[in-house]
Amino acid sequence: MDSVQAKMPEDSHAAAMGESSADPVPVLDLTGITHYFGDLCAVDDVTLQVRAGEVVCLLGPSGCGKSTLLRIAAALEELQQGTVRIDGREMRTRSGRAIPPERRNVGLMFQDSALFPHLSVLDNVAFGLDHLPAKRRKARALEMLDQLGMKRSAERFPHRLSGGQQQRVALARALAPEPHLMLLDEPFSALDARLRGRIRDDTLHLLKQAGAGTLLVTHDPEEAMFMADRIALMRDGRILQYGTPVELYCNPVSPFVASFFGDVNRLEGTVHDGFVETPIGRFEANGYSDGQQACVLVRPEAIDVHVAGPADPGHRHSHVVMSRLLGRSSLVHLCVHDADDREHHLHSTMPGVFLPGEDQRVELKVDPGRAFVFPIDAD
């Protein structure tokens, strides 16, 4: 099999975090944020910026500190260590007291829409507009509802709305005062999959139209890749990698980052002359020493499967264990053999309907851009 070259991950953290002197002041600037709950360090020395008009996603597993970080930015959690600046202004008074949420020009949206049950949809959206004359307040609220397709429900009460409609109203309420910064904490997670996609799309369109900087918390990598201009992937209170969705998906800095964005096939081998030999090809391992143990992570969509002849239950070549149609793609479970005739099981994701039969002999071609080499003990 032809050798393939795997892209070595690049640490894009420093470049993504850096701000040149010509850059405008970030809408949100978190510097050195550290937060403890008792002896547990929930956020560990995190620095992060959000610029006007961009969406930054805090992504990670449950308990990694992402919601705590957002709540600190919103003044819903006490700032213990570090600095929070919004529009260049430090969020502390001269006496050292935190500036409260209502004085931060911030829009908030959570998993629970938190609408006022005793107020109509219109009055919910107009709630934060008391600085405007009554006529202008109503006009602004109706304008926001119209943009989200909720104008006809202006006089209804929240209990008469579906979950998706409630989230639309919550978004309208958060954006109505024209905040410079939006903070969204898992706002779509309670919605069913099909509705979630529509609400996400509407939300992203409206956020970009408004020009607000947005910090969005999610545990869903697909959601982060759809919504974000930049992603901060967190684990155990720290940011592991910070960059564009393409950077994190195509140049992960660790096995954890690579596997967080979807299933990966894992193969192991020994570095020799700058390559790791595996049952599906040779992968470039620049910077590794001869004899060093390495793992190769290969995304399922990187393995292209080609039928190589009739099914043969007795052969010892790469063959199909089973195939399953997933809708827009097909999952092919493969068995391959190494030089010592040991079996290795892999998954390939093929576009459309591709369902080779059990024991079908196949040939494999690997896209090197979606294969990553790491030290065996990484993560």
Protein backbone atom coordinates (compact mmCIF):
# COMPACT_ATOMS: atom_id res chain seq x y z
CA MET A 1 0.00 0.00 0.00
CA ASP A 2 1.27 3.49 -0.82
CA SER A 3 2.60 5.52 2.06
CA VAL A 4 0.55 8.44 3.32
CA GLN A 5 1.61 11.53 5.20
CA ALA A 6 -0.28 12.65 8.27
CA LYS A 7 -0.46 16.35 9.08
CA MET A 8 1.27 17.02 12.36
CA PRO A 9 -0.84 19.09 14.73
CA GLU A 10 0.13 22.71 15.15
CA ASP A 11 -0.44 24.63 18.37
CA SER A 12 -2.66 27.43 17.17
CA HIS A 13 -3.45 28.56 20.71
CA ALA A 14 -0.94 31.39 20.92
CA ALA A 15 -1.77 32.80 17.51
CA ALA A 16 -5.52 32.64 18.11
CA MET A 17 -5.21 34.27 21.53
CA GLY A 18 -2.95 37.09 20.41
CA GLU A 19 -4.27 40.56 19.68
CA SER A 20 -2.22 42.99 17.59
CA SER A 21 -2.00 46.62 18.58
CA ALA A 22 -4.19 47.50 15.58
CA ASP A 23 -7.06 45.26 16.72
CA PRO A 24 -10.14 46.95 18.19
CA VAL A 25 -10.84 46.50 21.87
CA PRO A 26 -12.49 43.10 22.45
CA VAL A 27 -16.13 43.16 23.50
CA LEU A 28 -15.21 40.62 26.17
CA ASP A 29 -11.72 40.19 27.59
CA LEU A 30 -11.18 37.52 30.24
CA THR A 31 -7.65 37.46 31.65
CA GLY A 32 -6.20 34.91 34.08
CA ILE A 33 -9.59 33.68 35.32
CA THR A 34 -9.28 31.08 38.08
CA HIS A 35 -12.23 29.83 40.12
CA TYR A 36 -12.56 27.28 42.90
CA PHE A 37 -15.54 25.47 44.38
CA GLY A 38 -14.06 24.39 47.70
CA ASP A 39 -10.93 22.41 46.80
CA LEU A 40 -12.03 21.88 43.19
CA CYS A 41 -10.43 24.14 40.60
CA ALA A 42 -13.29 24.65 38.12
CA VAL A 43 -11.50 27.24 35.96
CA ASP A 44 -7.71 27.27 35.81
CA ASP A 45 -5.99 30.47 34.60
CA VAL A 46 -8.12 31.00 31.48
CA THR A 47 -7.57 33.92 29.11
CA LEU A 48 -10.07 34.51 26.32
CA GLN A 49 -11.29 37.32 24.08
CA VAL A 50 -14.48 37.84 22.07
CA ARG A 51 -14.51 40.46 19.33
CA ALA A 52 -17.49 42.41 18.06
CA GLY A 53 -19.52 40.44 15.54
CA GLU A 54 -17.91 37.06 16.22
CA VAL A 55 -19.21 33.94 17.94
CA VAL A 56 -16.80 32.16 20.27
CA CYS A 57 -17.87 28.74 21.56
CA LEU A 58 -16.77 27.31 24.88
CA LEU A 59 -16.87 23.59 24.10
CA GLY A 60 -16.16 20.63 26.32
CA PRO A 61 -17.56 17.77 28.39
CA SER A 62 -19.77 18.29 31.41
CA GLY A 63 -17.87 19.68 34.39
CA CYS A 64 -15.00 21.19 32.37
CA GLY A 65 -15.69 24.74 33.63
CA LYS A 66 -17.28 26.30 30.55
CA SER A 67 -20.56 27.38 32.20
CA THR A 68 -18.69 28.68 35.23
CA LEU A 69 -16.56 30.85 32.95
CA LEU A 70 -19.64 32.26 31.24
CA ARG A 71 -21.33 32.95 34.58
CA ILE A 72 -18.24 34.82 35.76
CA ALA A 73 -18.43 37.00 32.65
CA ALA A 74 -22.09 37.67 33.41
CA ALA A 75 -21.44 38.44 37.12
CA LEU A 76 -23.67 35.51 38.06
CA GLU A 77 -20.66 33.91 39.73
CA GLU A 78 -18.17 35.74 41.95
CA LEU A 79 -14.87 36.67 40.33
CA GLN A 80 -12.17 35.14 42.52
CA GLN A 81 -9.01 35.63 40.43
CA GLY A 82 -8.36 37.41 37.18
CA THR A 83 -9.89 40.31 35.29
CA VAL A 84 -13.13 40.71 33.33
CA ARG A 85 -13.36 43.59 30.85
CA ILE A 86 -16.36 44.42 28.68
CA ASP A 87 -15.80 46.98 25.93
CA GLY A 88 -12.43 47.69 27.51
CA ARG A 89 -13.93 48.58 30.90
CA GLU A 90 -12.97 46.53 33.93
CA MET A 91 -16.05 45.06 35.60
CA ARG A 92 -15.15 46.29 39.07
CA THR A 93 -15.86 49.58 40.76
CA ARG A 94 -13.11 51.66 42.34
CA SER A 95 -13.96 50.09 45.67
CA GLY A 96 -13.36 46.63 44.18
CA ARG A 97 -17.00 45.56 43.99
CA ALA A 98 -18.23 43.71 40.91
CA ILE A 99 -20.42 45.66 38.51
CA PRO A 100 -23.80 43.83 38.55
CA PRO A 101 -25.26 42.02 35.51
CA GLU A 102 -27.84 44.69 34.73
CA ARG A 103 -25.11 47.29 34.28
CA ARG A 104 -22.91 45.24 31.92
CA ASN A 105 -24.82 45.76 28.64
CA VAL A 106 -25.00 41.99 28.26
CA GLY A 107 -27.74 39.79 26.79
CA LEU A 108 -28.27 36.45 28.52
CA MET A 109 -29.89 33.28 27.19
CA PHE A 110 -29.97 29.90 28.89
CA GLN A 111 -31.22 26.34 28.33
CA ASP A 112 -34.39 27.30 30.17
CA SER A 113 -35.97 30.25 28.38
CA ALA A 114 -36.80 31.78 31.81
CA LEU A 115 -39.67 33.83 30.40
CA PHE A 116 -41.91 35.63 32.87
CA PRO A 117 -45.07 33.50 32.98
CA HIS A 118 -47.33 36.40 33.98
CA LEU A 119 -46.27 38.58 31.05
CA SER A 120 -47.30 38.28 27.42
CA VAL A 121 -44.74 37.50 24.75
CA LEU A 122 -44.66 41.18 23.79
CA ASP A 123 -44.17 42.32 27.38
CA ASN A 124 -41.43 39.74 27.91
CA VAL A 125 -39.45 41.12 24.99
CA ALA A 126 -40.09 44.73 26.04
CA PHE A 127 -39.06 44.04 29.65
CA GLY A 128 -35.47 45.30 29.28
CA LEU A 129 -36.45 48.37 27.27
CA ASP A 130 -37.74 50.59 30.08
CA HIS A 131 -35.24 53.30 29.03
CA LEU A 132 -37.30 53.84 25.87
CA PRO A 133 -40.64 55.68 25.53
CA ALA A 134 -43.62 53.31 25.59
CA LYS A 135 -44.35 53.64 21.88
CA ARG A 136 -40.75 52.99 20.87
CA ARG A 137 -40.50 50.13 23.38
CA LYS A 138 -43.46 48.34 21.79
CA ALA A 139 -42.18 48.97 18.27
CA ARG A 140 -38.75 47.55 19.11
CA ALA A 141 -40.26 44.46 20.75
CA LEU A 142 -42.52 43.81 17.74
CA GLU A 143 -39.57 44.31 15.40
CA MET A 144 -37.57 41.61 17.18
CA LEU A 145 -40.53 39.22 17.27
CA ASP A 146 -41.11 39.77 13.57
CA GLN A 147 -37.50 38.88 12.75
CA LEU A 148 -37.96 35.57 14.56
CA GLY A 149 -41.37 34.77 13.10
CA MET A 150 -43.15 35.30 16.44
CA LYS A 151 -45.06 38.53 15.81
CA ARG A 152 -48.41 36.72 15.58
CA SER A 153 -47.85 35.35 19.10
CA ALA A 154 -47.20 38.76 20.67
CA GLU A 155 -50.29 38.64 22.89
CA ARG A 156 -49.94 35.01 23.92
CA PHE A 157 -48.46 33.88 27.23
CA PRO A 158 -45.37 31.65 27.53
CA HIS A 159 -47.26 28.55 28.68
CA ARG A 160 -49.07 28.50 25.32
CA LEU A 161 -45.81 28.32 23.34
CA SER A 162 -43.75 25.32 22.30
CA GLY A 163 -40.18 24.92 23.55
CA GLY A 164 -38.78 26.25 20.29
CA GLN A 165 -41.10 29.25 20.34
CA GLN A 166 -40.11 30.04 23.91
CA GLN A 167 -36.43 30.02 22.93
CA ARG A 168 -37.15 32.38 20.05
CA VAL A 169 -38.87 34.77 22.44
CA ALA A 170 -35.96 34.48 24.88
CA LEU A 171 -33.55 35.35 22.07
CA ALA A 172 -35.70 38.33 21.04
CA ARG A 173 -35.74 39.55 24.65
CA ALA A 174 -31.96 39.21 24.99
CA LEU A 175 -31.25 41.06 21.73
CA ALA A 176 -33.91 43.77 22.04
CA PRO A 177 -31.75 46.16 24.15
CA GLU A 178 -28.98 45.87 21.51
CA PRO A 179 -26.28 44.55 23.86
CA HIS A 180 -22.67 44.59 22.75
CA LEU A 181 -22.17 41.12 24.24
CA MET A 182 -24.40 38.02 24.19
CA LEU A 183 -23.81 35.16 26.64
CA LEU A 184 -25.58 31.92 25.71
CA ASP A 185 -25.41 28.85 27.96
CA GLU A 186 -26.58 25.64 26.21
CA PRO A 187 -29.59 27.47 24.75
CA PHE A 188 -30.60 24.70 22.32
CA SER A 189 -29.91 21.53 24.32
CA ALA A 190 -33.51 21.02 25.48
CA LEU A 191 -34.88 21.05 21.92
CA ASP A 192 -35.35 18.01 19.68
CA ALA A 193 -32.75 17.53 16.95
CA ARG A 194 -34.75 18.83 13.99
CA LEU A 195 -36.04 21.90 15.81
CA ARG A 196 -32.60 22.54 17.28
CA GLY A 197 -31.12 22.90 13.80
CA ARG A 198 -33.70 25.50 12.74
CA ILE A 199 -33.38 27.54 15.94
CA ARG A 200 -29.58 27.47 15.71
CA ASP A 201 -29.72 28.74 12.16
CA ASP A 202 -32.10 31.57 13.05
CA THR A 203 -30.02 32.48 16.09
CA LEU A 204 -26.75 32.65 14.17
CA HIS A 205 -28.34 34.80 11.46
CA LEU A 206 -29.74 37.24 14.02
CA LEU A 207 -26.50 37.42 16.03
CA LYS A 208 -24.50 38.25 12.91
CA GLN A 209 -27.10 40.79 11.85
CA ALA A 210 -26.96 42.46 15.27
CA GLY A 211 -23.15 42.58 15.27
CA ALA A 212 -22.91 41.59 18.93
CA GLY A 213 -19.95 39.59 20.21
CA THR A 214 -21.19 36.22 21.47
CA LEU A 215 -19.86 33.68 23.94
CA LEU A 216 -21.75 30.41 23.54
CA VAL A 217 -21.43 27.40 25.85
CA THR A 218 -22.11 23.98 24.36
CA HIS A 219 -21.07 20.35 24.80
CA ASP A 220 -22.02 19.52 21.20
CA PRO A 221 -19.05 19.67 18.78
CA GLU A 222 -21.30 19.80 15.71
CA GLU A 223 -23.13 22.78 17.17
CA ALA A 224 -19.85 24.52 17.95
CA MET A 225 -18.56 23.97 14.42
CA PHE A 226 -21.78 25.35 12.94
CA MET A 227 -22.08 28.37 15.22
CA ALA A 228 -18.52 29.43 15.98
CA ASP A 229 -15.98 31.66 14.35
CA ARG A 230 -13.56 30.36 16.98
CA ILE A 231 -13.78 27.47 19.44
CA ALA A 232 -12.15 27.13 22.86
CA LEU A 233 -12.11 23.43 23.73
CA MET A 234 -11.93 22.98 27.50
CA ARG A 235 -11.01 20.11 29.77
CA ASP A 236 -10.56 20.14 33.55
CA GLY A 237 -10.86 23.93 33.71
CA ARG A 238 -8.26 24.68 31.03
CA ILE A 239 -8.42 25.57 27.36
CA LEU A 240 -6.66 22.79 25.44
CA GLN A 241 -6.91 24.40 22.01
CA TYR A 242 -8.31 27.68 20.73
CA GLY A 243 -8.88 28.44 17.06
CA THR A 244 -11.25 28.20 14.13
CA PRO A 245 -13.39 25.08 13.65
CA VAL A 246 -11.15 24.06 10.74
CA GLU A 247 -8.01 24.40 12.88
CA LEU A 248 -9.37 22.23 15.68
CA TYR A 249 -10.79 19.58 13.35
CA CYS A 250 -7.89 19.39 10.91
CA ASN A 251 -4.96 20.15 13.25
CA PRO A 252 -5.81 18.81 16.73
CA VAL A 253 -3.06 19.22 19.30
CA SER A 254 -3.87 16.03 21.22
CA PRO A 255 -5.80 12.76 20.95
CA PHE A 256 -8.48 14.23 23.22
CA VAL A 257 -9.07 17.13 20.83
CA ALA A 258 -9.12 14.82 17.79
CA SER A 259 -11.58 12.37 19.33
CA PHE A 260 -13.86 15.05 20.79
CA PHE A 261 -14.97 16.02 17.29
CA GLY A 262 -16.08 12.51 16.36
CA ASP A 263 -15.08 8.86 16.28
CA VAL A 264 -11.51 8.04 15.34
CA ASN A 265 -9.77 4.78 14.49
CA ARG A 266 -6.72 4.21 16.67
CA LEU A 267 -3.68 2.29 15.48
CA GLU A 268 -0.31 1.94 17.19
CA GLY A 269 3.18 1.39 15.88
CA THR A 270 6.88 2.06 16.21
CA VAL A 271 8.58 4.98 14.50
CA HIS A 272 11.23 3.99 11.97
CA ASP A 273 12.99 6.39 9.57
CA GLY A 274 10.39 9.06 10.24
CA PHE A 275 7.32 6.89 9.62
CA VAL A 276 4.88 4.77 11.60
CA GLU A 277 3.90 1.57 9.81
CA THR A 278 0.26 0.50 10.22
CA PRO A 279 -2.02 -2.06 8.54
CA ILE A 280 -3.48 0.75 6.40
CA GLY A 281 -0.29 2.51 5.38
CA ARG A 282 2.80 4.42 6.49
CA PHE A 283 2.24 7.72 8.28
CA GLU A 284 4.79 10.48 8.50
CA ALA A 285 6.09 11.09 12.04
CA ASN A 286 8.48 14.03 11.74
CA GLY A 287 10.05 14.97 15.05
CA TYR A 288 9.74 11.49 16.52
CA SER A 289 12.76 9.33 17.37
CA ASP A 290 13.42 5.91 15.89
CA GLY A 291 11.97 3.28 18.21
CA GLN A 292 9.45 5.68 19.77
CA GLN A 293 5.96 4.28 20.22
CA ALA A 294 3.25 6.33 18.53
CA CYS A 295 -0.48 6.19 17.95
CA VAL A 296 -2.17 7.10 14.70
CA LEU A 297 -5.72 8.45 14.82
CA VAL A 298 -7.67 8.22 11.56
CA ARG A 299 -11.13 9.68 11.08
CA PRO A 300 -13.67 7.22 9.60
CA GLU A 301 -14.39 9.53 6.67
CA ALA A 302 -10.66 9.48 5.83
CA ILE A 303 -10.82 5.79 4.85
CA ASP A 304 -12.07 5.31 1.30
CA VAL A 305 -13.27 1.75 0.66
CA HIS A 306 -13.10 0.09 -2.77
CA VAL A 307 -14.49 -3.34 -3.59
CA ALA A 308 -11.59 -5.60 -4.68
CA GLY A 309 -13.26 -8.81 -5.75
CA PRO A 310 -15.90 -11.34 -4.69
CA ALA A 311 -16.62 -12.16 -1.07
CA ASP A 312 -14.32 -14.82 0.36
CA PRO A 313 -14.82 -15.98 3.98
CA GLY A 314 -11.41 -17.68 3.96
CA HIS A 315 -9.13 -14.87 2.80
CA ARG A 316 -6.75 -12.97 5.07
CA HIS A 317 -7.00 -9.58 3.44
CA SER A 318 -8.92 -6.43 4.33
CA HIS A 319 -12.59 -7.30 4.29
CA VAL A 320 -16.01 -6.13 5.42
CA VAL A 321 -17.46 -7.28 8.74
CA MET A 322 -20.78 -5.49 8.21
CA SER A 323 -22.28 -2.39 6.59
CA ARG A 324 -25.04 -0.11 7.83
CA LEU A 325 -26.90 2.74 6.14
CA LEU A 326 -27.01 5.84 8.38
CA GLY A 327 -29.03 8.03 6.01
CA ARG A 328 -26.73 10.50 4.29
CA SER A 329 -23.79 8.14 4.73
CA SER A 330 -22.95 4.47 5.26
CA LEU A 331 -20.86 2.97 8.05
CA VAL A 332 -18.59 0.12 7.00
CA HIS A 333 -17.04 -2.04 9.73
CA LEU A 334 -13.71 -3.34 8.43
CA CYS A 335 -11.21 -5.98 9.45
CA VAL A 336 -7.59 -5.46 8.37
CA HIS A 337 -4.44 -7.50 9.05
CA ASP A 338 -0.98 -6.31 10.01
CA ALA A 339 2.39 -7.82 9.03
CA ASP A 340 2.08 -10.38 11.85
CA ASP A 341 -1.41 -11.36 10.63
CA ARG A 342 -3.11 -9.80 13.65
CA GLU A 343 -6.61 -8.45 13.09
CA HIS A 344 -7.52 -4.79 13.56
CA HIS A 345 -11.08 -3.51 13.36
CA LEU A 346 -11.81 -0.09 11.86
CA HIS A 347 -14.78 2.01 10.79
CA SER A 348 -15.16 3.85 7.50
CA THR A 349 -17.86 6.41 6.74
CA MET A 350 -18.77 6.47 3.07
CA PRO A 351 -21.08 9.01 1.42
CA GLY A 352 -24.55 7.90 0.31
CA VAL A 353 -25.60 4.25 0.03
CA PHE A 354 -22.52 2.01 0.08
CA LEU A 355 -23.25 -1.42 1.55
CA PRO A 356 -20.70 -4.07 0.58
CA GLY A 357 -21.60 -7.50 1.90
CA GLU A 358 -20.07 -9.48 4.73
CA ASP A 359 -16.59 -10.87 3.92
CA GLN A 360 -16.36 -8.65 0.84
CA ARG A 361 -12.70 -8.16 0.02
CA VAL A 362 -11.79 -4.47 -0.18
CA GLU A 363 -8.90 -2.12 -0.77
CA LEU A 364 -8.46 0.99 1.36
CA LYS A 365 -7.14 4.46 0.57
CA VAL A 366 -6.47 6.92 3.40
CA ASP A 367 -6.68 10.72 3.23
CA PRO A 368 -3.53 11.90 5.07
CA GLY A 369 -5.16 15.22 5.98
CA ARG A 370 -7.44 13.44 8.43
CA ALA A 371 -4.88 11.19 10.10
CA PHE A 372 -2.89 12.38 13.13
CA VAL A 373 0.22 11.02 14.85
CA PHE A 374 0.80 11.45 18.59
CA PRO A 375 3.08 9.92 21.23
CA ILE A 376 1.59 6.72 22.58
CA ASP A 377 1.12 8.19 26.06
CA ALA A 378 -0.47 11.50 24.96
CA ASP A 379 -3.70 12.36 26.83
